[in-house]
């Protein structure tokens, strides 16, 4: 469940700025998730790591702990090119993200 309290605190209590971040997140995160899947298909491990790192941070700011943790694992696996399980992890993370998008961000 999205919680803006950490993000708002990080922005010195500026609720307007936190809402702006959320708006940017709503438009950009789905694109980044699609990029992640494309990078994975191309086996571009450096790009996978970079995108996962970016998403990890965004998810953490919104207190989406499970997604943030999944992105951290994906980032580490990509960095170490330990790719046996990375495909299923990306699919699982994408499923979890789409569920949050559907139930919380687009509701």
PDB file of N, CA and C in Angstrom:
ATOM      1  N   UNK A   1       0.835  -1.182   0.000  1.00  0.00           N
ATOM      2  CA  UNK A   1       0.000   0.000   0.000  1.00  0.00           C
ATOM      3  C   UNK A   1       0.880   1.246   0.000  1.00  0.00           C
ATOM      4  N   UNK A   2       0.538   2.168  -0.836  1.00  0.00           N
ATOM      5  CA  UNK A   2       1.317   3.395  -0.956  1.00  0.00           C
ATOM      6  C   UNK A   2       1.136   4.251   0.291  1.00  0.00           C
ATOM      7  N   UNK A   3       2.263   4.743   0.786  1.00  0.00           N
ATOM      8  CA  UNK A   3       2.280   5.611   1.958  1.00  0.00           C
ATOM      9  C   UNK A   3       3.184   6.790   1.612  1.00  0.00           C
ATOM     10  N   UNK A   4       2.616   7.975   1.554  1.00  0.00           N
ATOM     11  CA  UNK A   4       3.377   9.161   1.166  1.00  0.00           C
ATOM     12  C   UNK A   4       4.119   9.828   2.321  1.00  0.00           C
ATOM     13  N   UNK A   5       4.003   9.282   3.531  1.00  0.00           N
ATOM     14  CA  UNK A   5       4.609   9.952   4.685  1.00  0.00           C
ATOM     15  C   UNK A   5       6.131  10.034   4.575  1.00  0.00           C
ATOM     16  N   UNK A   6       6.791   8.954   4.154  1.00  0.00           N
ATOM     17  CA  UNK A   6       8.249   8.991   4.018  1.00  0.00           C
ATOM     18  C   UNK A   6       8.655   9.998   2.952  1.00  0.00           C
ATOM     19  N   UNK A   7       7.957   9.961   1.815  1.00  0.00           N
ATOM     20  CA  UNK A   7       8.253  10.884   0.727  1.00  0.00           C
ATOM     21  C   UNK A   7       8.040  12.330   1.167  1.00  0.00           C
ATOM     22  N   UNK A   8       6.936  12.587   1.844  1.00  0.00           N
ATOM     23  CA  UNK A   8       6.641  13.934   2.318  1.00  0.00           C
ATOM     24  C   UNK A   8       7.708  14.400   3.309  1.00  0.00           C
ATOM     25  N   UNK A   9       8.125  13.506   4.214  1.00  0.00           N
ATOM     26  CA  UNK A   9       9.199  13.844   5.156  1.00  0.00           C
ATOM     27  C   UNK A   9      10.499  14.149   4.416  1.00  0.00           C
ATOM     28  N   UNK A  10      10.804  13.350   3.397  1.00  0.00           N
ATOM     29  CA  UNK A  10      12.033  13.553   2.625  1.00  0.00           C
ATOM     30  C   UNK A  10      12.005  14.888   1.880  1.00  0.00           C
ATOM     31  N   UNK A  11      10.805  15.394   1.632  1.00  0.00           N
ATOM     32  CA  UNK A  11      10.654  16.672   0.928  1.00  0.00           C
ATOM     33  C   UNK A  11      10.300  17.786   1.901  1.00  0.00           C
ATOM     34  N   UNK A  12      10.784  17.645   3.133  1.00  0.00           N
ATOM     35  CA  UNK A  12      10.618  18.655   4.177  1.00  0.00           C
ATOM     36  C   UNK A  12       9.159  19.036   4.400  1.00  0.00           C
ATOM     37  N   UNK A  13       8.272  18.035   4.323  1.00  0.00           N
ATOM     38  CA  UNK A  13       6.864  18.265   4.604  1.00  0.00           C
ATOM     39  C   UNK A  13       6.083  18.901   3.477  1.00  0.00           C
ATOM     40  N   UNK A  14       6.692  19.049   2.323  1.00  0.00           N
ATOM     41  CA  UNK A  14       6.043  19.695   1.187  1.00  0.00           C
ATOM     42  C   UNK A  14       5.110  18.695   0.490  1.00  0.00           C
ATOM     43  N   UNK A  15       3.835  18.748   0.851  1.00  0.00           N
ATOM     44  CA  UNK A  15       2.839  17.817   0.323  1.00  0.00           C
ATOM     45  C   UNK A  15       2.646  18.016  -1.180  1.00  0.00           C
ATOM     46  N   UNK A  16       2.687  19.241  -1.630  1.00  0.00           N
ATOM     47  CA  UNK A  16       2.509  19.534  -3.057  1.00  0.00           C
ATOM     48  C   UNK A  16       3.628  18.871  -3.865  1.00  0.00           C
ATOM     49  N   UNK A  17       4.843  18.973  -3.373  1.00  0.00           N
ATOM     50  CA  UNK A  17       5.977  18.357  -4.052  1.00  0.00           C
ATOM     51  C   UNK A  17       5.857  16.829  -4.034  1.00  0.00           C
ATOM     52  N   UNK A  18       5.403  16.282  -2.919  1.00  0.00           N
ATOM     53  CA  UNK A  18       5.199  14.835  -2.828  1.00  0.00           C
ATOM     54  C   UNK A  18       4.135  14.380  -3.835  1.00  0.00           C
ATOM     55  N   UNK A  19       3.065  15.139  -3.978  1.00  0.00           N
ATOM     56  CA  UNK A  19       2.022  14.806  -4.947  1.00  0.00           C
ATOM     57  C   UNK A  19       2.552  14.911  -6.378  1.00  0.00           C
ATOM     58  N   UNK A  20       3.424  15.885  -6.614  1.00  0.00           N
ATOM     59  CA  UNK A  20       4.031  16.029  -7.944  1.00  0.00           C
ATOM     60  C   UNK A  20       4.886  14.795  -8.252  1.00  0.00           C
ATOM     61  N   UNK A  21       5.665  14.353  -7.274  1.00  0.00           N
ATOM     62  CA  UNK A  21       6.470  13.145  -7.435  1.00  0.00           C
ATOM     63  C   UNK A  21       5.564  11.957  -7.768  1.00  0.00           C
ATOM     64  N   UNK A  22       4.468  11.837  -7.052  1.00  0.00           N
ATOM     65  CA  UNK A  22       3.537  10.735  -7.291  1.00  0.00           C
ATOM     66  C   UNK A  22       2.987  10.794  -8.718  1.00  0.00           C
ATOM     67  N   UNK A  23       2.675  11.975  -9.193  1.00  0.00           N
ATOM     68  CA  UNK A  23       2.194  12.127 -10.565  1.00  0.00           C
ATOM     69  C   UNK A  23       3.235  11.695 -11.583  1.00  0.00           C
ATOM     70  N   UNK A  24       4.471  12.097 -11.360  1.00  0.00           N
ATOM     71  CA  UNK A  24       5.564  11.692 -12.247  1.00  0.00           C
ATOM     72  C   UNK A  24       5.745  10.179 -12.176  1.00  0.00           C
ATOM     73  N   UNK A  25       5.679   9.641 -10.972  1.00  0.00           N
ATOM     74  CA  UNK A  25       5.809   8.196 -10.783  1.00  0.00           C
ATOM     75  C   UNK A  25       4.734   7.448 -11.579  1.00  0.00           C
ATOM     76  N   UNK A  26       3.495   7.921 -11.497  1.00  0.00           N
ATOM     77  CA  UNK A  26       2.389   7.266 -12.206  1.00  0.00           C
ATOM     78  C   UNK A  26       2.627   7.212 -13.704  1.00  0.00           C
ATOM     79  N   UNK A  27       3.246   8.248 -14.247  1.00  0.00           N
ATOM     80  CA  UNK A  27       3.467   8.275 -15.696  1.00  0.00           C
ATOM     81  C   UNK A  27       4.756   7.578 -16.107  1.00  0.00           C
ATOM     82  N   UNK A  28       5.774   7.610 -15.259  1.00  0.00           N
ATOM     83  CA  UNK A  28       7.077   7.077 -15.652  1.00  0.00           C
ATOM     84  C   UNK A  28       7.332   5.628 -15.234  1.00  0.00           C
ATOM     85  N   UNK A  29       6.858   5.229 -14.083  1.00  0.00           N
ATOM     86  CA  UNK A  29       7.158   3.879 -13.595  1.00  0.00           C
ATOM     87  C   UNK A  29       6.641   2.783 -14.526  1.00  0.00           C
ATOM     88  N   UNK A  30       5.435   2.908 -15.085  1.00  0.00           N
ATOM     89  CA  UNK A  30       5.001   1.862 -16.030  1.00  0.00           C
ATOM     90  C   UNK A  30       5.937   1.757 -17.238  1.00  0.00           C
ATOM     91  N   UNK A  31       6.428   2.884 -17.713  1.00  0.00           N
ATOM     92  CA  UNK A  31       7.375   2.876 -18.833  1.00  0.00           C
ATOM     93  C   UNK A  31       8.680   2.199 -18.427  1.00  0.00           C
ATOM     94  N   UNK A  32       9.127   2.488 -17.217  1.00  0.00           N
ATOM     95  CA  UNK A  32      10.371   1.876 -16.741  1.00  0.00           C
ATOM     96  C   UNK A  32      10.213   0.368 -16.562  1.00  0.00           C
ATOM     97  N   UNK A  33       9.050  -0.066 -16.118  1.00  0.00           N
ATOM     98  CA  UNK A  33       8.826  -1.511 -15.988  1.00  0.00           C
ATOM     99  C   UNK A  33       8.866  -2.182 -17.359  1.00  0.00           C
ATOM    100  N   UNK A  34       8.313  -1.536 -18.360  1.00  0.00           N
ATOM    101  CA  UNK A  34       8.364  -2.072 -19.729  1.00  0.00           C
ATOM    102  C   UNK A  34       9.810  -2.082 -20.243  1.00  0.00           C
ATOM    103  N   UNK A  35      10.549  -1.015 -19.952  1.00  0.00           N
ATOM    104  CA  UNK A  35      11.964  -0.968 -20.339  1.00  0.00           C
ATOM    105  C   UNK A  35      12.731  -2.102 -19.676  1.00  0.00           C
ATOM    106  N   UNK A  36      12.444  -2.364 -18.411  1.00  0.00           N
ATOM    107  CA  UNK A  36      13.125  -3.426 -17.681  1.00  0.00           C
ATOM    108  C   UNK A  36      12.903  -4.769 -18.369  1.00  0.00           C
ATOM    109  N   UNK A  37      11.665  -5.035 -18.768  1.00  0.00           N
ATOM    110  CA  UNK A  37      11.374  -6.303 -19.449  1.00  0.00           C
ATOM    111  C   UNK A  37      12.097  -6.375 -20.800  1.00  0.00           C
ATOM    112  N   UNK A  38      12.149  -5.271 -21.517  1.00  0.00           N
ATOM    113  CA  UNK A  38      12.848  -5.228 -22.798  1.00  0.00           C
ATOM    114  C   UNK A  38      14.353  -5.430 -22.612  1.00  0.00           C
ATOM    115  N   UNK A  39      14.919  -4.764 -21.619  1.00  0.00           N
ATOM    116  CA  UNK A  39      16.347  -4.915 -21.326  1.00  0.00           C
ATOM    117  C   UNK A  39      16.673  -6.352 -20.941  1.00  0.00           C
ATOM    118  N   UNK A  40      15.778  -6.952 -20.212  1.00  0.00           N
ATOM    119  CA  UNK A  40      15.955  -8.339 -19.805  1.00  0.00           C
ATOM    120  C   UNK A  40      15.950  -9.254 -21.031  1.00  0.00           C
ATOM    121  N   UNK A  41      15.007  -9.034 -21.935  1.00  0.00           N
ATOM    122  CA  UNK A  41      14.921  -9.838 -23.156  1.00  0.00           C
ATOM    123  C   UNK A  41      16.196  -9.708 -23.989  1.00  0.00           C
ATOM    124  N   UNK A  42      16.820  -8.524 -23.935  1.00  0.00           N
ATOM    125  CA  UNK A  42      18.061  -8.277 -24.677  1.00  0.00           C
ATOM    126  C   UNK A  42      19.300  -8.708 -23.889  1.00  0.00           C
ATOM    127  N   UNK A  43      19.072  -9.149 -22.670  1.00  0.00           N
ATOM    128  CA  UNK A  43      20.151  -9.537 -21.756  1.00  0.00           C
ATOM    129  C   UNK A  43      21.172  -8.411 -21.570  1.00  0.00           C
ATOM    130  N   UNK A  44      20.652  -7.187 -21.478  1.00  0.00           N
ATOM    131  CA  UNK A  44      21.477  -6.010 -21.232  1.00  0.00           C
ATOM    132  C   UNK A  44      21.536  -5.814 -19.713  1.00  0.00           C
ATOM    133  N   UNK A  45      22.449  -6.538 -19.088  1.00  0.00           N
ATOM    134  CA  UNK A  45      22.481  -6.606 -17.626  1.00  0.00           C
ATOM    135  C   UNK A  45      22.795  -5.264 -16.982  1.00  0.00           C
ATOM    136  N   UNK A  46      23.619  -4.460 -17.616  1.00  0.00           N
ATOM    137  CA  UNK A  46      23.928  -3.137 -17.059  1.00  0.00           C
ATOM    138  C   UNK A  46      22.674  -2.264 -17.043  1.00  0.00           C
ATOM    139  N   UNK A  47      21.905  -2.293 -18.120  1.00  0.00           N
ATOM    140  CA  UNK A  47      20.667  -1.510 -18.186  1.00  0.00           C
ATOM    141  C   UNK A  47      19.633  -2.058 -17.212  1.00  0.00           C
ATOM    142  N   UNK A  48      19.558  -3.375 -17.084  1.00  0.00           N
ATOM    143  CA  UNK A  48      18.635  -3.985 -16.113  1.00  0.00           C
ATOM    144  C   UNK A  48      18.975  -3.497 -14.711  1.00  0.00           C
ATOM    145  N   UNK A  49      20.246  -3.501 -14.376  1.00  0.00           N
ATOM    146  CA  UNK A  49      20.683  -3.058 -13.057  1.00  0.00           C
ATOM    147  C   UNK A  49      20.330  -1.588 -12.812  1.00  0.00           C
ATOM    148  N   UNK A  50      20.588  -0.744 -13.807  1.00  0.00           N
ATOM    149  CA  UNK A  50      20.309   0.688 -13.673  1.00  0.00           C
ATOM    150  C   UNK A  50      18.818   0.956 -13.502  1.00  0.00           C
ATOM    151  N   UNK A  51      18.002   0.316 -14.316  1.00  0.00           N
ATOM    152  CA  UNK A  51      16.553   0.512 -14.233  1.00  0.00           C
ATOM    153  C   UNK A  51      16.006  -0.036 -12.921  1.00  0.00           C
ATOM    154  N   UNK A  52      16.464  -1.206 -12.520  1.00  0.00           N
ATOM    155  CA  UNK A  52      16.014  -1.775 -11.246  1.00  0.00           C
ATOM    156  C   UNK A  52      16.400  -0.868 -10.080  1.00  0.00           C
ATOM    157  N   UNK A  53      17.589  -0.284 -10.144  1.00  0.00           N
ATOM    158  CA  UNK A  53      18.026   0.631  -9.088  1.00  0.00           C
ATOM    159  C   UNK A  53      17.109   1.848  -9.007  1.00  0.00           C
ATOM    160  N   UNK A  54      16.784   2.411 -10.157  1.00  0.00           N
ATOM    161  CA  UNK A  54      15.895   3.575 -10.193  1.00  0.00           C
ATOM    162  C   UNK A  54      14.523   3.233  -9.622  1.00  0.00           C
ATOM    163  N   UNK A  55      13.972   2.111 -10.050  1.00  0.00           N
ATOM    164  CA  UNK A  55      12.650   1.696  -9.554  1.00  0.00           C
ATOM    165  C   UNK A  55      12.693   1.371  -8.068  1.00  0.00           C
ATOM    166  N   UNK A  56      13.782   0.745  -7.623  1.00  0.00           N
ATOM    167  CA  UNK A  56      13.934   0.409  -6.199  1.00  0.00           C
ATOM    168  C   UNK A  56      13.786   1.661  -5.339  1.00  0.00           C
ATOM    169  N   UNK A  57      14.445   2.725  -5.743  1.00  0.00           N
ATOM    170  CA  UNK A  57      14.402   3.970  -4.989  1.00  0.00           C
ATOM    171  C   UNK A  57      13.005   4.583  -5.000  1.00  0.00           C
ATOM    172  N   UNK A  58      12.383   4.595  -6.171  1.00  0.00           N
ATOM    173  CA  UNK A  58      11.028   5.154  -6.271  1.00  0.00           C
ATOM    174  C   UNK A  58      10.045   4.365  -5.405  1.00  0.00           C
ATOM    175  N   UNK A  59      10.128   3.046  -5.472  1.00  0.00           N
ATOM    176  CA  UNK A  59       9.231   2.214  -4.671  1.00  0.00           C
ATOM    177  C   UNK A  59       9.469   2.438  -3.179  1.00  0.00           C
ATOM    178  N   UNK A  60      10.722   2.607  -2.790  1.00  0.00           N
ATOM    179  CA  UNK A  60      11.037   2.845  -1.378  1.00  0.00           C
ATOM    180  C   UNK A  60      10.436   4.162  -0.900  1.00  0.00           C
ATOM    181  N   UNK A  61      10.517   5.207  -1.727  1.00  0.00           N
ATOM    182  CA  UNK A  61       9.937   6.497  -1.351  1.00  0.00           C
ATOM    183  C   UNK A  61       8.431   6.413  -1.112  1.00  0.00           C
ATOM    184  N   UNK A  62       7.782   5.466  -1.778  1.00  0.00           N
ATOM    185  CA  UNK A  62       6.333   5.308  -1.635  1.00  0.00           C
ATOM    186  C   UNK A  62       5.970   4.198  -0.658  1.00  0.00           C
ATOM    187  N   UNK A  63       6.963   3.702   0.064  1.00  0.00           N
ATOM    188  CA  UNK A  63       6.782   2.643   1.054  1.00  0.00           C
ATOM    189  C   UNK A  63       6.227   1.362   0.429  1.00  0.00           C
ATOM    190  N   UNK A  64       6.588   1.108  -0.815  1.00  0.00           N
ATOM    191  CA  UNK A  64       6.231  -0.140  -1.484  1.00  0.00           C
ATOM    192  C   UNK A  64       7.388  -1.111  -1.274  1.00  0.00           C
ATOM    193  N   UNK A  65       7.475  -1.599  -0.041  1.00  0.00           N
ATOM    194  CA  UNK A  65       8.628  -2.355   0.429  1.00  0.00           C
ATOM    195  C   UNK A  65       8.868  -3.623  -0.381  1.00  0.00           C
ATOM    196  N   UNK A  66       7.824  -4.375  -0.663  1.00  0.00           N
ATOM    197  CA  UNK A  66       7.997  -5.624  -1.394  1.00  0.00           C
ATOM    198  C   UNK A  66       8.587  -5.358  -2.781  1.00  0.00           C
ATOM    199  N   UNK A  67       8.049  -4.371  -3.474  1.00  0.00           N
ATOM    200  CA  UNK A  67       8.569  -4.039  -4.799  1.00  0.00           C
ATOM    201  C   UNK A  67       9.995  -3.498  -4.722  1.00  0.00           C
ATOM    202  N   UNK A  68      10.265  -2.687  -3.735  1.00  0.00           N
ATOM    203  CA  UNK A  68      11.612  -2.152  -3.568  1.00  0.00           C
ATOM    204  C   UNK A  68      12.610  -3.289  -3.338  1.00  0.00           C
ATOM    205  N   UNK A  69      12.238  -4.236  -2.505  1.00  0.00           N
ATOM    206  CA  UNK A  69      13.098  -5.389  -2.229  1.00  0.00           C
ATOM    207  C   UNK A  69      13.288  -6.239  -3.478  1.00  0.00           C
ATOM    208  N   UNK A  70      12.209  -6.440  -4.237  1.00  0.00           N
ATOM    209  CA  UNK A  70      12.329  -7.210  -5.473  1.00  0.00           C
ATOM    210  C   UNK A  70      13.295  -6.524  -6.443  1.00  0.00           C
ATOM    211  N   UNK A  71      13.206  -5.216  -6.554  1.00  0.00           N
ATOM    212  CA  UNK A  71      14.108  -4.488  -7.448  1.00  0.00           C
ATOM    213  C   UNK A  71      15.555  -4.568  -6.955  1.00  0.00           C
ATOM    214  N   UNK A  72      15.743  -4.551  -5.648  1.00  0.00           N
ATOM    215  CA  UNK A  72      17.095  -4.679  -5.100  1.00  0.00           C
ATOM    216  C   UNK A  72      17.705  -6.024  -5.475  1.00  0.00           C
ATOM    217  N   UNK A  73      16.923  -7.082  -5.363  1.00  0.00           N
ATOM    218  CA  UNK A  73      17.410  -8.419  -5.722  1.00  0.00           C
ATOM    219  C   UNK A  73      17.708  -8.488  -7.219  1.00  0.00           C
ATOM    220  N   UNK A  74      16.812  -7.946  -8.038  1.00  0.00           N
ATOM    221  CA  UNK A  74      17.024  -7.932  -9.488  1.00  0.00           C
ATOM    222  C   UNK A  74      18.298  -7.160  -9.828  1.00  0.00           C
ATOM    223  N   UNK A  75      18.487  -6.028  -9.189  1.00  0.00           N
ATOM    224  CA  UNK A  75      19.690  -5.225  -9.409  1.00  0.00           C
ATOM    225  C   UNK A  75      20.947  -6.032  -9.081  1.00  0.00           C
ATOM    226  N   UNK A  76      20.947  -6.696  -7.935  1.00  0.00           N
ATOM    227  CA  UNK A  76      22.115  -7.478  -7.529  1.00  0.00           C
ATOM    228  C   UNK A  76      22.372  -8.652  -8.465  1.00  0.00           C
ATOM    229  N   UNK A  77      21.302  -9.329  -8.861  1.00  0.00           N
ATOM    230  CA  UNK A  77      21.462 -10.451  -9.786  1.00  0.00           C
ATOM    231  C   UNK A  77      22.026  -9.977 -11.128  1.00  0.00           C
ATOM    232  N   UNK A  78      21.526  -8.851 -11.615  1.00  0.00           N
ATOM    233  CA  UNK A  78      22.021  -8.307 -12.883  1.00  0.00           C
ATOM    234  C   UNK A  78      23.485  -7.904 -12.756  1.00  0.00           C
ATOM    235  N   UNK A  79      23.834  -7.259 -11.642  1.00  0.00           N
ATOM    236  CA  UNK A  79      25.223  -6.841 -11.425  1.00  0.00           C
ATOM    237  C   UNK A  79      26.177  -8.035 -11.436  1.00  0.00           C
ATOM    238  N   UNK A  80      25.711  -9.148 -10.895  1.00  0.00           N
ATOM    239  CA  UNK A  80      26.546 -10.349 -10.797  1.00  0.00           C
ATOM    240  C   UNK A  80      26.301 -11.332 -11.937  1.00  0.00           C
ATOM    241  N   UNK A  81      25.448 -10.950 -12.877  1.00  0.00           N
ATOM    242  CA  UNK A  81      25.053 -11.785 -14.009  1.00  0.00           C
ATOM    243  C   UNK A  81      24.647 -13.188 -13.566  1.00  0.00           C
ATOM    244  N   UNK A  82      23.926 -13.234 -12.449  1.00  0.00           N
ATOM    245  CA  UNK A  82      23.331 -14.481 -11.955  1.00  0.00           C
ATOM    246  C   UNK A  82      21.889 -14.483 -12.441  1.00  0.00           C
ATOM    247  N   UNK A  83      21.699 -14.950 -13.632  1.00  0.00           N
ATOM    248  CA  UNK A  83      20.445 -14.694 -14.337  1.00  0.00           C
ATOM    249  C   UNK A  83      19.451 -15.849 -14.321  1.00  0.00           C
ATOM    250  N   UNK A  84      19.756 -16.932 -13.644  1.00  0.00           N
ATOM    251  CA  UNK A  84      18.867 -18.096 -13.678  1.00  0.00           C
ATOM    252  C   UNK A  84      17.457 -17.769 -13.185  1.00  0.00           C
ATOM    253  N   UNK A  85      17.347 -16.961 -12.152  1.00  0.00           N
ATOM    254  CA  UNK A  85      16.028 -16.661 -11.579  1.00  0.00           C
ATOM    255  C   UNK A  85      15.534 -15.255 -11.880  1.00  0.00           C
ATOM    256  N   UNK A  86      16.337 -14.475 -12.553  1.00  0.00           N
ATOM    257  CA  UNK A  86      15.990 -13.066 -12.746  1.00  0.00           C
ATOM    258  C   UNK A  86      14.729 -12.901 -13.591  1.00  0.00           C
ATOM    259  N   UNK A  87      14.522 -13.772 -14.561  1.00  0.00           N
ATOM    260  CA  UNK A  87      13.349 -13.650 -15.430  1.00  0.00           C
ATOM    261  C   UNK A  87      12.047 -13.788 -14.642  1.00  0.00           C
ATOM    262  N   UNK A  88      11.992 -14.801 -13.790  1.00  0.00           N
ATOM    263  CA  UNK A  88      10.774 -15.003 -13.001  1.00  0.00           C
ATOM    264  C   UNK A  88      10.591 -13.894 -11.973  1.00  0.00           C
ATOM    265  N   UNK A  89      11.682 -13.359 -11.438  1.00  0.00           N
ATOM    266  CA  UNK A  89      11.583 -12.258 -10.478  1.00  0.00           C
ATOM    267  C   UNK A  89      11.039 -10.997 -11.141  1.00  0.00           C
ATOM    268  N   UNK A  90      11.467 -10.720 -12.355  1.00  0.00           N
ATOM    269  CA  UNK A  90      10.974  -9.544 -13.073  1.00  0.00           C
ATOM    270  C   UNK A  90       9.484  -9.722 -13.376  1.00  0.00           C
ATOM    271  N   UNK A  91       9.090 -10.909 -13.781  1.00  0.00           N
ATOM    272  CA  UNK A  91       7.663 -11.159 -14.047  1.00  0.00           C
ATOM    273  C   UNK A  91       6.827 -10.996 -12.779  1.00  0.00           C
ATOM    274  N   UNK A  92       7.322 -11.521 -11.676  1.00  0.00           N
ATOM    275  CA  UNK A  92       6.607 -11.392 -10.401  1.00  0.00           C
ATOM    276  C   UNK A  92       6.504  -9.929  -9.975  1.00  0.00           C
ATOM    277  N   UNK A  93       7.599  -9.197 -10.087  1.00  0.00           N
ATOM    278  CA  UNK A  93       7.601  -7.777  -9.726  1.00  0.00           C
ATOM    279  C   UNK A  93       6.652  -7.001 -10.632  1.00  0.00           C
ATOM    280  N   UNK A  94       6.659  -7.308 -11.907  1.00  0.00           N
ATOM    281  CA  UNK A  94       5.767  -6.634 -12.841  1.00  0.00           C
ATOM    282  C   UNK A  94       4.306  -6.912 -12.478  1.00  0.00           C
ATOM    283  N   UNK A  95       4.008  -8.147 -12.136  1.00  0.00           N
ATOM    284  CA  UNK A  95       2.645  -8.497 -11.716  1.00  0.00           C
ATOM    285  C   UNK A  95       2.248  -7.703 -10.469  1.00  0.00           C
ATOM    286  N   UNK A  96       3.126  -7.661  -9.484  1.00  0.00           N
ATOM    287  CA  UNK A  96       2.852  -6.922  -8.241  1.00  0.00           C
ATOM    288  C   UNK A  96       2.663  -5.435  -8.521  1.00  0.00           C
ATOM    289  N   UNK A  97       3.504  -4.886  -9.401  1.00  0.00           N
ATOM    290  CA  UNK A  97       3.400  -3.476  -9.746  1.00  0.00           C
ATOM    291  C   UNK A  97       2.074  -3.180 -10.443  1.00  0.00           C
ATOM    292  N   UNK A  98       1.710  -4.010 -11.399  1.00  0.00           N
ATOM    293  CA  UNK A  98       0.452  -3.789 -12.119  1.00  0.00           C
ATOM    294  C   UNK A  98      -0.749  -3.863 -11.183  1.00  0.00           C
ATOM    295  N   UNK A  99      -0.679  -4.726 -10.198  1.00  0.00           N
ATOM    296  CA  UNK A  99      -1.767  -4.824  -9.222  1.00  0.00           C
ATOM    297  C   UNK A  99      -1.877  -3.542  -8.400  1.00  0.00           C
ATOM    298  N   UNK A 100      -0.758  -3.013  -7.961  1.00  0.00           N
ATOM    299  CA  UNK A 100      -0.761  -1.756  -7.209  1.00  0.00           C
ATOM    300  C   UNK A 100      -1.221  -0.609  -8.104  1.00  0.00           C
ATOM    301  N   UNK A 101      -0.749  -0.607  -9.314  1.00  0.00           N
ATOM    302  CA  UNK A 101      -1.160   0.426 -10.267  1.00  0.00           C
ATOM    303  C   UNK A 101      -2.676   0.399 -10.452  1.00  0.00           C
ATOM    304  N   UNK A 102      -3.210  -0.787 -10.630  1.00  0.00           N
ATOM    305  CA  UNK A 102      -4.653  -0.938 -10.867  1.00  0.00           C
ATOM    306  C   UNK A 102      -5.469  -0.591  -9.636  1.00  0.00           C
ATOM    307  N   UNK A 103      -5.051  -1.031  -8.462  1.00  0.00           N
ATOM    308  CA  UNK A 103      -5.875  -0.880  -7.268  1.00  0.00           C
ATOM    309  C   UNK A 103      -5.668   0.434  -6.522  1.00  0.00           C
ATOM    310  N   UNK A 104      -4.475   1.014  -6.641  1.00  0.00           N
ATOM    311  CA  UNK A 104      -4.187   2.198  -5.830  1.00  0.00           C
ATOM    312  C   UNK A 104      -3.928   3.463  -6.635  1.00  0.00           C
ATOM    313  N   UNK A 105      -3.319   3.326  -7.770  1.00  0.00           N
ATOM    314  CA  UNK A 105      -2.925   4.529  -8.502  1.00  0.00           C
ATOM    315  C   UNK A 105      -3.932   4.948  -9.568  1.00  0.00           C
ATOM    316  N   UNK A 106      -4.654   3.999 -10.104  1.00  0.00           N
ATOM    317  CA  UNK A 106      -5.609   4.333 -11.157  1.00  0.00           C
ATOM    318  C   UNK A 106      -7.033   4.215 -10.682  1.00  0.00           C
ATOM    319  N   UNK A 107      -7.219   3.873  -9.426  1.00  0.00           N
ATOM    320  CA  UNK A 107      -8.575   3.686  -8.883  1.00  0.00           C
ATOM    321  C   UNK A 107      -9.301   5.013  -8.734  1.00  0.00           C
TER     322      UNK A 107
END
